[in-house]
Amino acid sequence: MSTAYGVTEPGAEKSPRKSVLIGADGKVLKSYATVKPPEHPDQVLADLDKLT
């Protein structure tokens, strides 16, 4: 999935810590290049509130 959305380069062994918010239609709504795990859930929930 990470390769399909352009997060991981083809042939790479693992993906960097990035996050992608994907809509029900499969389109990328927002991408997060820098993810800080303690703060990230609140950030994603706030962005979801803005988008809906």
PDB file of N, CA and C in Angstrom:
ATOM      1  N   MET A   1       0.824  -1.184   0.000  1.00  0.00           N
ATOM      2  CA  MET A   1       0.000   0.000   0.000  1.00  0.00           C
ATOM      3  C   MET A   1       0.871   1.253   0.000  1.00  0.00           C
ATOM      4  N   SER A   2       1.955   1.223   0.777  1.00  0.00           N
ATOM      5  CA  SER A   2       2.806   2.413   0.834  1.00  0.00           C
ATOM      6  C   SER A   2       3.465   2.706  -0.515  1.00  0.00           C
ATOM      7  N   THR A   3       3.778   1.682  -1.283  1.00  0.00           N
ATOM      8  CA  THR A   3       4.339   1.891  -2.615  1.00  0.00           C
ATOM      9  C   THR A   3       3.278   2.455  -3.553  1.00  0.00           C
ATOM     10  N   ALA A   4       2.058   1.955  -3.458  1.00  0.00           N
ATOM     11  CA  ALA A   4       0.968   2.414  -4.328  1.00  0.00           C
ATOM     12  C   ALA A   4       0.681   3.906  -4.139  1.00  0.00           C
ATOM     13  N   TYR A   5       0.838   4.389  -2.920  1.00  0.00           N
ATOM     14  CA  TYR A   5       0.567   5.799  -2.655  1.00  0.00           C
ATOM     15  C   TYR A   5       1.827   6.665  -2.684  1.00  0.00           C
ATOM     16  N   GLY A   6       2.952   6.089  -3.109  1.00  0.00           N
ATOM     17  CA  GLY A   6       4.163   6.875  -3.297  1.00  0.00           C
ATOM     18  C   GLY A   6       4.945   7.172  -2.033  1.00  0.00           C
ATOM     19  N   VAL A   7       4.681   6.453  -0.961  1.00  0.00           N
ATOM     20  CA  VAL A   7       5.413   6.682   0.283  1.00  0.00           C
ATOM     21  C   VAL A   7       6.747   5.948   0.268  1.00  0.00           C
ATOM     22  N   THR A   8       6.742   4.723  -0.230  1.00  0.00           N
ATOM     23  CA  THR A   8       7.954   3.911  -0.284  1.00  0.00           C
ATOM     24  C   THR A   8       8.412   3.794  -1.730  1.00  0.00           C
ATOM     25  N   GLU A   9       9.688   3.914  -1.921  1.00  0.00           N
ATOM     26  CA  GLU A   9      10.250   3.734  -3.249  1.00  0.00           C
ATOM     27  C   GLU A   9      10.189   2.261  -3.627  1.00  0.00           C
ATOM     28  N   PRO A  10       9.875   1.943  -4.882  1.00  0.00           N
ATOM     29  CA  PRO A  10       9.876   0.546  -5.308  1.00  0.00           C
ATOM     30  C   PRO A  10      11.228  -0.108  -5.023  1.00  0.00           C
ATOM     31  N   GLY A  11      11.210  -1.299  -4.482  1.00  0.00           N
ATOM     32  CA  GLY A  11      12.425  -2.030  -4.174  1.00  0.00           C
ATOM     33  C   GLY A  11      13.001  -1.740  -2.796  1.00  0.00           C
ATOM     34  N   ALA A  12      12.474  -0.725  -2.104  1.00  0.00           N
ATOM     35  CA  ALA A  12      12.967  -0.426  -0.757  1.00  0.00           C
ATOM     36  C   ALA A  12      12.484  -1.494   0.214  1.00  0.00           C
ATOM     37  N   GLU A  13      13.305  -1.775   1.220  1.00  0.00           N
ATOM     38  CA  GLU A  13      12.945  -2.801   2.187  1.00  0.00           C
ATOM     39  C   GLU A  13      11.874  -2.346   3.169  1.00  0.00           C
ATOM     40  N   LYS A  14      11.866  -1.079   3.527  1.00  0.00           N
ATOM     41  CA  LYS A  14      10.839  -0.581   4.432  1.00  0.00           C
ATOM     42  C   LYS A  14      10.536   0.872   4.104  1.00  0.00           C
ATOM     43  N   SER A  15       9.400   1.324   4.585  1.00  0.00           N
ATOM     44  CA  SER A  15       8.983   2.689   4.290  1.00  0.00           C
ATOM     45  C   SER A  15       9.391   3.623   5.424  1.00  0.00           C
ATOM     46  N   PRO A  16       9.563   4.903   5.094  1.00  0.00           N
ATOM     47  CA  PRO A  16       9.837   5.880   6.145  1.00  0.00           C
ATOM     48  C   PRO A  16       8.569   6.121   6.951  1.00  0.00           C
ATOM     49  N   ARG A  17       8.699   6.739   8.089  1.00  0.00           N
ATOM     50  CA  ARG A  17       7.528   7.026   8.925  1.00  0.00           C
ATOM     51  C   ARG A  17       6.788   8.213   8.329  1.00  0.00           C
ATOM     52  N   LYS A  18       5.794   7.916   7.563  1.00  0.00           N
ATOM     53  CA  LYS A  18       4.916   8.915   6.959  1.00  0.00           C
ATOM     54  C   LYS A  18       3.497   8.412   7.109  1.00  0.00           C
ATOM     55  N   SER A  19       2.553   9.298   6.923  1.00  0.00           N
ATOM     56  CA  SER A  19       1.156   8.913   7.057  1.00  0.00           C
ATOM     57  C   SER A  19       0.359   9.575   5.943  1.00  0.00           C
ATOM     58  N   VAL A  20      -0.667   8.878   5.493  1.00  0.00           N
ATOM     59  CA  VAL A  20      -1.509   9.396   4.423  1.00  0.00           C
ATOM     60  C   VAL A  20      -2.962   9.222   4.847  1.00  0.00           C
ATOM     61  N   LEU A  21      -3.725  10.289   4.752  1.00  0.00           N
ATOM     62  CA  LEU A  21      -5.150  10.257   5.052  1.00  0.00           C
ATOM     63  C   LEU A  21      -5.868   9.993   3.731  1.00  0.00           C
ATOM     64  N   ILE A  22      -6.558   8.858   3.661  1.00  0.00           N
ATOM     65  CA  ILE A  22      -7.190   8.410   2.419  1.00  0.00           C
ATOM     66  C   ILE A  22      -8.707   8.438   2.581  1.00  0.00           C
ATOM     67  N   GLY A  23      -9.382   9.022   1.603  1.00  0.00           N
ATOM     68  CA  GLY A  23     -10.836   9.094   1.641  1.00  0.00           C
ATOM     69  C   GLY A  23     -11.478   7.776   1.257  1.00  0.00           C
ATOM     70  N   ALA A  24     -12.789   7.704   1.444  1.00  0.00           N
ATOM     71  CA  ALA A  24     -13.546   6.495   1.135  1.00  0.00           C
ATOM     72  C   ALA A  24     -13.433   6.115  -0.337  1.00  0.00           C
ATOM     73  N   ASP A  25     -13.166   7.100  -1.196  1.00  0.00           N
ATOM     74  CA  ASP A  25     -13.036   6.847  -2.632  1.00  0.00           C
ATOM     75  C   ASP A  25     -11.622   6.421  -3.022  1.00  0.00           C
ATOM     76  N   GLY A  26     -10.711   6.319  -2.036  1.00  0.00           N
ATOM     77  CA  GLY A  26      -9.342   5.894  -2.304  1.00  0.00           C
ATOM     78  C   GLY A  26      -8.397   7.026  -2.680  1.00  0.00           C
ATOM     79  N   LYS A  27      -8.889   8.254  -2.713  1.00  0.00           N
ATOM     80  CA  LYS A  27      -8.041   9.395  -3.051  1.00  0.00           C
ATOM     81  C   LYS A  27      -7.360   9.939  -1.796  1.00  0.00           C
ATOM     82  N   VAL A  28      -6.145  10.427  -1.992  1.00  0.00           N
ATOM     83  CA  VAL A  28      -5.386  11.007  -0.889  1.00  0.00           C
ATOM     84  C   VAL A  28      -5.985  12.364  -0.527  1.00  0.00           C
ATOM     85  N   LEU A  29      -6.377  12.507   0.737  1.00  0.00           N
ATOM     86  CA  LEU A  29      -6.925  13.767   1.218  1.00  0.00           C
ATOM     87  C   LEU A  29      -5.826  14.655   1.795  1.00  0.00           C
ATOM     88  N   LYS A  30      -4.841  14.022   2.435  1.00  0.00           N
ATOM     89  CA  LYS A  30      -3.732  14.762   3.036  1.00  0.00           C
ATOM     90  C   LYS A  30      -2.592  13.791   3.278  1.00  0.00           C
ATOM     91  N   SER A  31      -1.380  14.292   3.135  1.00  0.00           N
ATOM     92  CA  SER A  31      -0.217  13.473   3.464  1.00  0.00           C
ATOM     93  C   SER A  31       0.593  14.189   4.540  1.00  0.00           C
ATOM     94  N   TYR A  32       1.220  13.397   5.370  1.00  0.00           N
ATOM     95  CA  TYR A  32       2.013  13.898   6.485  1.00  0.00           C
ATOM     96  C   TYR A  32       3.437  13.401   6.291  1.00  0.00           C
ATOM     97  N   ALA A  33       4.349  14.296   5.956  1.00  0.00           N
ATOM     98  CA  ALA A  33       5.734  13.909   5.700  1.00  0.00           C
ATOM     99  C   ALA A  33       6.487  13.644   6.995  1.00  0.00           C
ATOM    100  N   THR A  34       6.093  14.330   8.054  1.00  0.00           N
ATOM    101  CA  THR A  34       6.728  14.154   9.354  1.00  0.00           C
ATOM    102  C   THR A  34       5.674  13.692  10.342  1.00  0.00           C
ATOM    103  N   VAL A  35       5.923  12.572  10.988  1.00  0.00           N
ATOM    104  CA  VAL A  35       4.964  12.009  11.932  1.00  0.00           C
ATOM    105  C   VAL A  35       5.618  11.900  13.302  1.00  0.00           C
ATOM    106  N   LYS A  36       5.019  12.546  14.282  1.00  0.00           N
ATOM    107  CA  LYS A  36       5.441  12.410  15.675  1.00  0.00           C
ATOM    108  C   LYS A  36       4.357  11.595  16.375  1.00  0.00           C
ATOM    109  N   PRO A  37       4.615  10.324  16.645  1.00  0.00           N
ATOM    110  CA  PRO A  37       3.573   9.429  17.157  1.00  0.00           C
ATOM    111  C   PRO A  37       2.728   9.967  18.317  1.00  0.00           C
ATOM    112  N   PRO A  38       3.294  10.637  19.323  1.00  0.00           N
ATOM    113  CA  PRO A  38       2.433  11.092  20.413  1.00  0.00           C
ATOM    114  C   PRO A  38       1.399  12.143  19.989  1.00  0.00           C
ATOM    115  N   GLU A  39       1.713  12.929  18.964  1.00  0.00           N
ATOM    116  CA  GLU A  39       0.848  14.030  18.535  1.00  0.00           C
ATOM    117  C   GLU A  39      -0.009  13.682  17.320  1.00  0.00           C
ATOM    118  N   HIS A  40       0.389  12.681  16.579  1.00  0.00           N
ATOM    119  CA  HIS A  40      -0.220  12.419  15.282  1.00  0.00           C
ATOM    120  C   HIS A  40      -1.714  12.084  15.317  1.00  0.00           C
ATOM    121  N   PRO A  41      -2.186  11.249  16.222  1.00  0.00           N
ATOM    122  CA  PRO A  41      -3.632  10.955  16.212  1.00  0.00           C
ATOM    123  C   PRO A  41      -4.494  12.207  16.352  1.00  0.00           C
ATOM    124  N   ASP A  42      -4.113  13.124  17.243  1.00  0.00           N
ATOM    125  CA  ASP A  42      -4.880  14.359  17.409  1.00  0.00           C
ATOM    126  C   ASP A  42      -4.835  15.210  16.148  1.00  0.00           C
ATOM    127  N   GLN A  43      -3.688  15.220  15.484  1.00  0.00           N
ATOM    128  CA  GLN A  43      -3.543  15.992  14.250  1.00  0.00           C
ATOM    129  C   GLN A  43      -4.466  15.425  13.161  1.00  0.00           C
ATOM    130  N   VAL A  44      -4.482  14.112  13.028  1.00  0.00           N
ATOM    131  CA  VAL A  44      -5.325  13.479  12.003  1.00  0.00           C
ATOM    132  C   VAL A  44      -6.802  13.719  12.305  1.00  0.00           C
ATOM    133  N   LEU A  45      -7.201  13.571  13.558  1.00  0.00           N
ATOM    134  CA  LEU A  45      -8.606  13.802  13.933  1.00  0.00           C
ATOM    135  C   LEU A  45      -9.016  15.249  13.668  1.00  0.00           C
ATOM    136  N   ALA A  46      -8.133  16.195  13.938  1.00  0.00           N
ATOM    137  CA  ALA A  46      -8.438  17.612  13.663  1.00  0.00           C
ATOM    138  C   ALA A  46      -8.595  17.831  12.161  1.00  0.00           C
ATOM    139  N   ASP A  47      -7.736  17.213  11.363  1.00  0.00           N
ATOM    140  CA  ASP A  47      -7.838  17.360   9.907  1.00  0.00           C
ATOM    141  C   ASP A  47      -9.129  16.720   9.390  1.00  0.00           C
ATOM    142  N   LEU A  48      -9.517  15.596   9.959  1.00  0.00           N
ATOM    143  CA  LEU A  48     -10.774  14.970   9.560  1.00  0.00           C
ATOM    144  C   LEU A  48     -11.967  15.877   9.853  1.00  0.00           C
ATOM    145  N   ASP A  49     -11.934  16.540  11.005  1.00  0.00           N
ATOM    146  CA  ASP A  49     -13.001  17.477  11.349  1.00  0.00           C
ATOM    147  C   ASP A  49     -13.088  18.609  10.328  1.00  0.00           C
ATOM    148  N   LYS A  50     -11.940  19.099   9.862  1.00  0.00           N
ATOM    149  CA  LYS A  50     -11.913  20.181   8.880  1.00  0.00           C
ATOM    150  C   LYS A  50     -12.456  19.724   7.526  1.00  0.00           C
ATOM    151  N   LEU A  51     -12.215  18.458   7.179  1.00  0.00           N
ATOM    152  CA  LEU A  51     -12.594  17.946   5.866  1.00  0.00           C
ATOM    153  C   LEU A  51     -14.039  17.493   5.795  1.00  0.00           C
ATOM    154  N   THR A  52     -14.674  17.299   6.944  1.00  0.00           N
ATOM    155  CA  THR A  52     -16.061  16.794   6.926  1.00  0.00           C
ATOM    156  C   THR A  52     -17.041  17.839   7.392  1.00  0.00           C
TER     157      THR A  52
END
